[in-house]
Amino acid sequence: MPTDTPVTLRYFDCRGRAQGLRYLLVDAGVEFTDDRVPFDDTWSRRKHELEFGGPFGALPVLRWGETIVAQTEAVALFLARALELAGDGGDYELSMTVALSAFAHQDLLQPALGVLWQAPGADLETVRGARAAARDRLRPRLEKLECWLTSRGPLLLGARPCAGDYLVLEALEAIITLVGAELLDDAPRVRAQREALRARPRLSAYLRAGARPGRFSGSPAEPEILEQLATLTDPAPEASA
């Protein structure tokens, strides 16, 4: 949905909590400035500026014309309204769009990204344990998402994307890389949701172009942990009963 309104999405130079919002804007055809804050002193110097750090001094921040919106779920809600990405737009559908966005961000993405937040120099067994703990947390949550999609599909609120679909997409992308693609083996509807979004023309072109930031997070240990994760080809041990 092209718009003449100037749009800026500001977040750090990583995927993190903003990547699902980037997908949403790209797929909706909105021209926007993807303002990526570098990992230097820029943020500490400017985070208290309303125009830069929003009302809470926290990212992501969306500027839509003269309107400034902060916090991931609030931005998702704003965009759902502005771009009609909330099912039929009724109160229930809108509330579920927000709930699904929060579930994607808090219950799926955060545990996956947590694997990267180990102390620099963490040994392989520490990383293995972090991945195993993330799997234990994520498996029942993916089961709940699979159950939700049973009576819908291929997307969260039916055939047309809602704002939450894009946040779920990024959570699944992170889970596959950081925790293990086999977590989706028993979730065929969840896999189909991801595939349906990735096949959409604008998103497909965006992904093929390598337009996403190179980092998942701002963790200083991310490069070394990604290397360690690449060596963990064996399934993570199951938690004892």
C-alpha atoms as a PDB file:
ATOM      1  CA  MET A   1       0.000   0.000   0.000  1.00  0.00           C
ATOM      2  CA  PRO A   2       2.049   2.991  -1.221  1.00  0.00           C
ATOM      3  CA  THR A   3       1.792   6.105   0.938  1.00  0.00           C
ATOM      4  CA  ASP A   4       2.903   9.695   0.493  1.00  0.00           C
ATOM      5  CA  THR A   5       3.520   9.936   4.240  1.00  0.00           C
ATOM      6  CA  PRO A   6       7.233   9.979   5.167  1.00  0.00           C
ATOM      7  CA  VAL A   7       7.948   6.808   7.129  1.00  0.00           C
ATOM      8  CA  THR A   8      11.060   5.969   9.169  1.00  0.00           C
ATOM      9  CA  LEU A   9      11.688   2.827  11.193  1.00  0.00           C
ATOM     10  CA  ARG A  10      14.630   3.213  13.555  1.00  0.00           C
ATOM     11  CA  TYR A  11      16.383   0.308  15.218  1.00  0.00           C
ATOM     12  CA  PHE A  12      19.891  -0.909  15.828  1.00  0.00           C
ATOM     13  CA  ASP A  13      21.948  -2.323  12.964  1.00  0.00           C
ATOM     14  CA  CYS A  14      20.679  -5.838  13.551  1.00  0.00           C
ATOM     15  CA  ARG A  15      17.475  -7.801  13.053  1.00  0.00           C
ATOM     16  CA  GLY A  16      16.345  -8.083  16.660  1.00  0.00           C
ATOM     17  CA  ARG A  17      12.912  -6.781  17.619  1.00  0.00           C
ATOM     18  CA  ALA A  18      12.458  -4.736  14.439  1.00  0.00           C
ATOM     19  CA  GLN A  19      12.963  -7.256  11.648  1.00  0.00           C
ATOM     20  CA  GLY A  20       9.359  -8.418  11.630  1.00  0.00           C
ATOM     21  CA  LEU A  21       8.294  -4.776  11.282  1.00  0.00           C
ATOM     22  CA  ARG A  22      10.677  -4.367   8.353  1.00  0.00           C
ATOM     23  CA  TYR A  23       9.099  -7.399   6.664  1.00  0.00           C
ATOM     24  CA  LEU A  24       5.652  -5.889   7.188  1.00  0.00           C
ATOM     25  CA  LEU A  25       6.556  -2.566   5.605  1.00  0.00           C
ATOM     26  CA  VAL A  26       8.354  -4.220   2.691  1.00  0.00           C
ATOM     27  CA  ASP A  27       5.487  -6.593   1.956  1.00  0.00           C
ATOM     28  CA  ALA A  28       2.912  -3.797   2.207  1.00  0.00           C
ATOM     29  CA  GLY A  29       4.834  -1.827  -0.424  1.00  0.00           C
ATOM     30  CA  VAL A  30       5.518   1.089   1.936  1.00  0.00           C
ATOM     31  CA  GLU A  31       8.573   3.153   1.051  1.00  0.00           C
ATOM     32  CA  PHE A  32      10.389   3.785   4.310  1.00  0.00           C
ATOM     33  CA  THR A  33      13.746   4.812   5.684  1.00  0.00           C
ATOM     34  CA  ASP A  34      15.347   1.848   7.429  1.00  0.00           C
ATOM     35  CA  ASP A  35      17.403   3.858   9.919  1.00  0.00           C
ATOM     36  CA  ARG A  36      19.926   1.485  11.498  1.00  0.00           C
ATOM     37  CA  VAL A  37      21.700   2.836  14.569  1.00  0.00           C
ATOM     38  CA  PRO A  38      25.337   1.690  14.677  1.00  0.00           C
ATOM     39  CA  PHE A  39      26.846  -0.054  17.674  1.00  0.00           C
ATOM     40  CA  ASP A  40      28.871   2.911  18.848  1.00  0.00           C
ATOM     41  CA  ASP A  41      28.111   5.862  21.125  1.00  0.00           C
ATOM     42  CA  THR A  42      25.350   7.203  18.836  1.00  0.00           C
ATOM     43  CA  TRP A  43      22.599   5.614  20.909  1.00  0.00           C
ATOM     44  CA  SER A  44      23.923   6.701  24.306  1.00  0.00           C
ATOM     45  CA  ARG A  45      24.288  10.268  23.033  1.00  0.00           C
ATOM     46  CA  ARG A  46      20.897  10.563  21.376  1.00  0.00           C
ATOM     47  CA  LYS A  47      18.484   8.150  23.035  1.00  0.00           C
ATOM     48  CA  HIS A  48      16.928  10.898  25.164  1.00  0.00           C
ATOM     49  CA  GLU A  49      15.915  12.910  22.089  1.00  0.00           C
ATOM     50  CA  LEU A  50      12.217  12.386  21.409  1.00  0.00           C
ATOM     51  CA  GLU A  51      12.779  12.513  17.661  1.00  0.00           C
ATOM     52  CA  PHE A  52      15.461   9.816  17.914  1.00  0.00           C
ATOM     53  CA  GLY A  53      14.727   7.560  20.862  1.00  0.00           C
ATOM     54  CA  GLY A  54      10.989   8.052  21.117  1.00  0.00           C
ATOM     55  CA  PRO A  55       9.118   8.733  24.355  1.00  0.00           C
ATOM     56  CA  PHE A  56      10.832   5.923  26.294  1.00  0.00           C
ATOM     57  CA  GLY A  57      14.405   6.093  25.036  1.00  0.00           C
ATOM     58  CA  ALA A  58      14.062   2.614  23.554  1.00  0.00           C
ATOM     59  CA  LEU A  59      14.008   1.124  20.062  1.00  0.00           C
ATOM     60  CA  PRO A  60      12.313   0.319  17.742  1.00  0.00           C
ATOM     61  CA  VAL A  61      10.719   3.674  16.987  1.00  0.00           C
ATOM     62  CA  LEU A  62       8.418   4.324  14.052  1.00  0.00           C
ATOM     63  CA  ARG A  63       7.895   7.798  12.661  1.00  0.00           C
ATOM     64  CA  TRP A  64       4.808   7.981  10.451  1.00  0.00           C
ATOM     65  CA  GLY A  65       4.482  11.543   9.253  1.00  0.00           C
ATOM     66  CA  GLU A  66       4.396  13.561  12.467  1.00  0.00           C
ATOM     67  CA  THR A  67       3.380  10.574  14.614  1.00  0.00           C
ATOM     68  CA  ILE A  68       6.014   8.806  16.714  1.00  0.00           C
ATOM     69  CA  VAL A  69       5.293   5.278  17.991  1.00  0.00           C
ATOM     70  CA  ALA A  70       7.606   3.183  20.166  1.00  0.00           C
ATOM     71  CA  GLN A  71       7.778  -0.443  21.371  1.00  0.00           C
ATOM     72  CA  THR A  72       7.461  -3.445  19.071  1.00  0.00           C
ATOM     73  CA  GLU A  73       3.867  -4.442  19.804  1.00  0.00           C
ATOM     74  CA  ALA A  74       2.634  -0.839  19.696  1.00  0.00           C
ATOM     75  CA  VAL A  75       4.278  -0.297  16.306  1.00  0.00           C
ATOM     76  CA  ALA A  76       2.713  -3.529  15.062  1.00  0.00           C
ATOM     77  CA  LEU A  77      -0.711  -2.328  16.238  1.00  0.00           C
ATOM     78  CA  PHE A  78      -0.264   1.073  14.592  1.00  0.00           C
ATOM     79  CA  LEU A  79       0.754  -0.514  11.291  1.00  0.00           C
ATOM     80  CA  ALA A  80      -2.070  -3.045  11.504  1.00  0.00           C
ATOM     81  CA  ARG A  81      -4.542  -0.170  11.659  1.00  0.00           C
ATOM     82  CA  ALA A  82      -2.785   2.036   9.109  1.00  0.00           C
ATOM     83  CA  LEU A  83      -2.313  -0.735   6.550  1.00  0.00           C
ATOM     84  CA  GLU A  84      -5.435  -2.793   7.297  1.00  0.00           C
ATOM     85  CA  LEU A  85      -3.456  -5.807   8.490  1.00  0.00           C
ATOM     86  CA  ALA A  86      -5.793  -7.037  11.204  1.00  0.00           C
ATOM     87  CA  GLY A  87      -8.039  -9.594   9.588  1.00  0.00           C
ATOM     88  CA  ASP A  88     -11.490  -8.136   9.061  1.00  0.00           C
ATOM     89  CA  GLY A  89     -10.575  -5.128  11.219  1.00  0.00           C
ATOM     90  CA  GLY A  90     -13.088  -5.952  13.944  1.00  0.00           C
ATOM     91  CA  ASP A  91     -12.294  -5.608  17.636  1.00  0.00           C
ATOM     92  CA  TYR A  92     -11.618  -9.324  18.099  1.00  0.00           C
ATOM     93  CA  GLU A  93      -9.396  -9.610  15.039  1.00  0.00           C
ATOM     94  CA  LEU A  94      -7.472  -6.507  16.060  1.00  0.00           C
ATOM     95  CA  SER A  95      -6.971  -7.801  19.581  1.00  0.00           C
ATOM     96  CA  MET A  96      -5.748 -11.155  18.241  1.00  0.00           C
ATOM     97  CA  THR A  97      -3.357  -9.361  15.901  1.00  0.00           C
ATOM     98  CA  VAL A  98      -1.786  -7.665  18.915  1.00  0.00           C
ATOM     99  CA  ALA A  99      -1.799 -10.893  20.941  1.00  0.00           C
ATOM    100  CA  LEU A 100      -0.100 -12.822  18.143  1.00  0.00           C
ATOM    101  CA  SER A 101       2.474 -10.046  17.709  1.00  0.00           C
ATOM    102  CA  ALA A 102       3.278 -10.172  21.419  1.00  0.00           C
ATOM    103  CA  PHE A 103       3.449 -13.976  21.363  1.00  0.00           C
ATOM    104  CA  ALA A 104       5.870 -13.879  18.431  1.00  0.00           C
ATOM    105  CA  HIS A 105       8.088 -11.240  20.013  1.00  0.00           C
ATOM    106  CA  GLN A 106       8.077 -12.284  23.658  1.00  0.00           C
ATOM    107  CA  ASP A 107       7.472 -16.039  23.605  1.00  0.00           C
ATOM    108  CA  LEU A 108       9.231 -17.112  20.407  1.00  0.00           C
ATOM    109  CA  LEU A 109      11.852 -14.561  19.362  1.00  0.00           C
ATOM    110  CA  GLN A 110      13.285 -13.667  22.752  1.00  0.00           C
ATOM    111  CA  PRO A 111      14.165 -17.248  23.774  1.00  0.00           C
ATOM    112  CA  ALA A 112      15.803 -17.843  20.394  1.00  0.00           C
ATOM    113  CA  LEU A 113      17.890 -14.672  20.585  1.00  0.00           C
ATOM    114  CA  GLY A 114      18.783 -15.493  24.182  1.00  0.00           C
ATOM    115  CA  VAL A 115      21.108 -18.217  22.881  1.00  0.00           C
ATOM    116  CA  LEU A 116      23.364 -15.446  21.560  1.00  0.00           C
ATOM    117  CA  TRP A 117      23.569 -13.554  24.837  1.00  0.00           C
ATOM    118  CA  GLN A 118      26.357 -15.527  26.468  1.00  0.00           C
ATOM    119  CA  ALA A 119      29.500 -14.048  27.930  1.00  0.00           C
ATOM    120  CA  PRO A 120      32.275 -13.529  25.373  1.00  0.00           C
ATOM    121  CA  GLY A 121      34.526 -16.561  25.432  1.00  0.00           C
ATOM    122  CA  ALA A 122      31.757 -18.929  26.555  1.00  0.00           C
ATOM    123  CA  ASP A 123      32.762 -22.551  25.978  1.00  0.00           C
ATOM    124  CA  LEU A 124      30.988 -24.973  23.682  1.00  0.00           C
ATOM    125  CA  GLU A 125      29.120 -26.738  26.487  1.00  0.00           C
ATOM    126  CA  THR A 126      27.703 -23.425  27.715  1.00  0.00           C
ATOM    127  CA  VAL A 127      26.394 -22.691  24.234  1.00  0.00           C
ATOM    128  CA  ARG A 128      25.036 -26.235  23.926  1.00  0.00           C
ATOM    129  CA  GLY A 129      23.222 -25.809  27.236  1.00  0.00           C
ATOM    130  CA  ALA A 130      21.761 -22.456  26.190  1.00  0.00           C
ATOM    131  CA  ARG A 131      20.458 -23.980  22.967  1.00  0.00           C
ATOM    132  CA  ALA A 132      18.971 -26.942  24.843  1.00  0.00           C
ATOM    133  CA  ALA A 133      17.229 -24.615  27.300  1.00  0.00           C
ATOM    134  CA  ALA A 134      15.802 -22.578  24.416  1.00  0.00           C
ATOM    135  CA  ARG A 135      14.471 -25.751  22.796  1.00  0.00           C
ATOM    136  CA  ASP A 136      12.751 -26.784  25.992  1.00  0.00           C
ATOM    137  CA  ARG A 137      11.045 -23.401  26.205  1.00  0.00           C
ATOM    138  CA  LEU A 138      10.123 -23.166  22.541  1.00  0.00           C
ATOM    139  CA  ARG A 139       8.791 -26.652  21.831  1.00  0.00           C
ATOM    140  CA  PRO A 140       5.487 -26.276  23.743  1.00  0.00           C
ATOM    141  CA  ARG A 141       5.040 -22.755  22.406  1.00  0.00           C
ATOM    142  CA  LEU A 142       5.388 -23.939  18.826  1.00  0.00           C
ATOM    143  CA  GLU A 143       2.835 -26.645  19.626  1.00  0.00           C
ATOM    144  CA  LYS A 144       0.406 -23.924  20.701  1.00  0.00           C
ATOM    145  CA  LEU A 145       1.036 -22.014  17.477  1.00  0.00           C
ATOM    146  CA  GLU A 146       0.445 -25.206  15.484  1.00  0.00           C
ATOM    147  CA  CYS A 147      -2.873 -25.693  17.279  1.00  0.00           C
ATOM    148  CA  TRP A 148      -3.854 -22.082  16.561  1.00  0.00           C
ATOM    149  CA  LEU A 149      -3.229 -22.567  12.854  1.00  0.00           C
ATOM    150  CA  THR A 150      -5.259 -25.787  12.733  1.00  0.00           C
ATOM    151  CA  SER A 151      -8.561 -23.964  12.267  1.00  0.00           C
ATOM    152  CA  ARG A 152      -7.092 -21.193  10.144  1.00  0.00           C
ATOM    153  CA  GLY A 153      -4.404 -20.887   7.583  1.00  0.00           C
ATOM    154  CA  PRO A 154      -2.256 -20.764   5.867  1.00  0.00           C
ATOM    155  CA  LEU A 155      -1.658 -17.552   7.852  1.00  0.00           C
ATOM    156  CA  LEU A 156      -2.514 -16.574  11.411  1.00  0.00           C
ATOM    157  CA  LEU A 157      -5.889 -14.994  10.693  1.00  0.00           C
ATOM    158  CA  GLY A 158      -6.693 -16.752   7.441  1.00  0.00           C
ATOM    159  CA  ALA A 159      -5.548 -16.223   3.882  1.00  0.00           C
ATOM    160  CA  ARG A 160      -4.382 -12.597   4.242  1.00  0.00           C
ATOM    161  CA  PRO A 161      -1.407 -11.598   6.416  1.00  0.00           C
ATOM    162  CA  CYS A 162      -1.935  -9.765   9.670  1.00  0.00           C
ATOM    163  CA  ALA A 163       0.773  -7.783  11.423  1.00  0.00           C
ATOM    164  CA  GLY A 164       1.540 -10.730  13.706  1.00  0.00           C
ATOM    165  CA  ASP A 165       2.456 -12.965  10.767  1.00  0.00           C
ATOM    166  CA  TYR A 166       5.561 -10.917  10.062  1.00  0.00           C
ATOM    167  CA  LEU A 167       6.766 -11.039  13.655  1.00  0.00           C
ATOM    168  CA  VAL A 168       6.187 -14.795  13.715  1.00  0.00           C
ATOM    169  CA  LEU A 169       8.185 -15.084  10.487  1.00  0.00           C
ATOM    170  CA  GLU A 170      11.252 -13.473  12.023  1.00  0.00           C
ATOM    171  CA  ALA A 171      10.902 -15.573  15.179  1.00  0.00           C
ATOM    172  CA  LEU A 172      10.885 -18.714  13.029  1.00  0.00           C
ATOM    173  CA  GLU A 173      13.882 -17.510  11.019  1.00  0.00           C
ATOM    174  CA  ALA A 174      15.814 -17.030  14.265  1.00  0.00           C
ATOM    175  CA  ILE A 175      14.667 -20.367  15.688  1.00  0.00           C
ATOM    176  CA  ILE A 176      15.799 -22.253  12.592  1.00  0.00           C
ATOM    177  CA  THR A 177      19.290 -20.732  12.669  1.00  0.00           C
ATOM    178  CA  LEU A 178      19.911 -20.470  16.395  1.00  0.00           C
ATOM    179  CA  VAL A 179      17.929 -23.303  17.954  1.00  0.00           C
ATOM    180  CA  GLY A 180      17.350 -25.867  15.218  1.00  0.00           C
ATOM    181  CA  ALA A 181      15.125 -26.374  12.180  1.00  0.00           C
ATOM    182  CA  GLU A 182      14.025 -29.756  13.533  1.00  0.00           C
ATOM    183  CA  LEU A 183      11.834 -27.941  16.045  1.00  0.00           C
ATOM    184  CA  LEU A 184       9.443 -27.430  13.129  1.00  0.00           C
ATOM    185  CA  ASP A 185       9.355 -31.118  12.191  1.00  0.00           C
ATOM    186  CA  ASP A 186       6.146 -31.656  14.153  1.00  0.00           C
ATOM    187  CA  ALA A 187       4.634 -28.312  13.147  1.00  0.00           C
ATOM    188  CA  PRO A 188       3.659 -28.571   9.456  1.00  0.00           C
ATOM    189  CA  ARG A 189       1.187 -25.679   9.648  1.00  0.00           C
ATOM    190  CA  VAL A 190       3.812 -23.443  11.222  1.00  0.00           C
ATOM    191  CA  ARG A 191       6.218 -24.382   8.414  1.00  0.00           C
ATOM    192  CA  ALA A 192       3.502 -23.632   5.860  1.00  0.00           C
ATOM    193  CA  GLN A 193       2.898 -20.192   7.408  1.00  0.00           C
ATOM    194  CA  ARG A 194       6.589 -19.363   7.050  1.00  0.00           C
ATOM    195  CA  GLU A 195       6.729 -20.663   3.463  1.00  0.00           C
ATOM    196  CA  ALA A 196       3.591 -18.749   2.461  1.00  0.00           C
ATOM    197  CA  LEU A 197       5.065 -15.462   3.671  1.00  0.00           C
ATOM    198  CA  ARG A 198       8.519 -16.040   2.202  1.00  0.00           C
ATOM    199  CA  ALA A 199       6.894 -16.738  -1.183  1.00  0.00           C
ATOM    200  CA  ARG A 200       5.123 -13.382  -1.345  1.00  0.00           C
ATOM    201  CA  PRO A 201       6.751 -11.416  -4.212  1.00  0.00           C
ATOM    202  CA  ARG A 202       8.007  -8.360  -2.321  1.00  0.00           C
ATOM    203  CA  LEU A 203       9.284 -10.370   0.626  1.00  0.00           C
ATOM    204  CA  SER A 204      10.863 -12.953  -1.637  1.00  0.00           C
ATOM    205  CA  ALA A 205      12.742 -10.229  -3.525  1.00  0.00           C
ATOM    206  CA  TYR A 206      13.826  -8.609  -0.241  1.00  0.00           C
ATOM    207  CA  LEU A 207      15.196 -11.890   1.100  1.00  0.00           C
ATOM    208  CA  ARG A 208      16.950 -12.773  -2.163  1.00  0.00           C
ATOM    209  CA  ALA A 209      18.608  -9.344  -2.199  1.00  0.00           C
ATOM    210  CA  GLY A 210      20.150  -9.972   1.217  1.00  0.00           C
ATOM    211  CA  ALA A 211      18.601  -6.737   2.480  1.00  0.00           C
ATOM    212  CA  ARG A 212      18.362  -7.849   6.104  1.00  0.00           C
ATOM    213  CA  PRO A 213      21.009  -6.694   8.591  1.00  0.00           C
ATOM    214  CA  GLY A 214      23.870  -9.137   8.958  1.00  0.00           C
ATOM    215  CA  ARG A 215      23.418  -9.578  12.700  1.00  0.00           C
ATOM    216  CA  PHE A 216      20.574 -11.080  14.681  1.00  0.00           C
ATOM    217  CA  SER A 217      21.348  -9.089  17.813  1.00  0.00           C
ATOM    218  CA  GLY A 218      23.656  -6.645  19.516  1.00  0.00           C
ATOM    219  CA  SER A 219      25.373  -9.357  21.548  1.00  0.00           C
ATOM    220  CA  PRO A 220      29.137  -8.811  21.381  1.00  0.00           C
ATOM    221  CA  ALA A 221      29.564 -12.589  21.492  1.00  0.00           C
ATOM    222  CA  GLU A 222      27.285 -13.268  18.494  1.00  0.00           C
ATOM    223  CA  PRO A 223      29.996 -14.044  15.884  1.00  0.00           C
ATOM    224  CA  GLU A 224      31.765 -16.617  18.045  1.00  0.00           C
ATOM    225  CA  ILE A 225      28.514 -18.203  19.244  1.00  0.00           C
ATOM    226  CA  LEU A 226      27.271 -18.576  15.664  1.00  0.00           C
ATOM    227  CA  GLU A 227      30.505 -20.396  14.863  1.00  0.00           C
ATOM    228  CA  GLN A 228      29.984 -22.702  17.828  1.00  0.00           C
ATOM    229  CA  LEU A 229      26.356 -23.354  16.918  1.00  0.00           C
ATOM    230  CA  ALA A 230      27.485 -24.409  13.433  1.00  0.00           C
ATOM    231  CA  THR A 231      29.514 -27.231  15.032  1.00  0.00           C
ATOM    232  CA  LEU A 232      26.552 -28.547  17.049  1.00  0.00           C
ATOM    233  CA  THR A 233      25.139 -30.937  14.495  1.00  0.00           C
ATOM    234  CA  ASP A 234      23.836 -33.343  17.144  1.00  0.00           C
ATOM    235  CA  PRO A 235      20.376 -32.780  18.657  1.00  0.00           C
ATOM    236  CA  ALA A 236      20.401 -30.906  21.914  1.00  0.00           C
ATOM    237  CA  PRO A 237      19.832 -33.230  24.909  1.00  0.00           C
ATOM    238  CA  GLU A 238      16.275 -33.452  26.178  1.00  0.00           C
ATOM    239  CA  ALA A 239      15.597 -32.090  29.646  1.00  0.00           C
ATOM    240  CA  SER A 240      15.126 -34.815  32.219  1.00  0.00           C
ATOM    241  CA  ALA A 241      11.584 -35.420  33.417  1.00  0.00           C
END
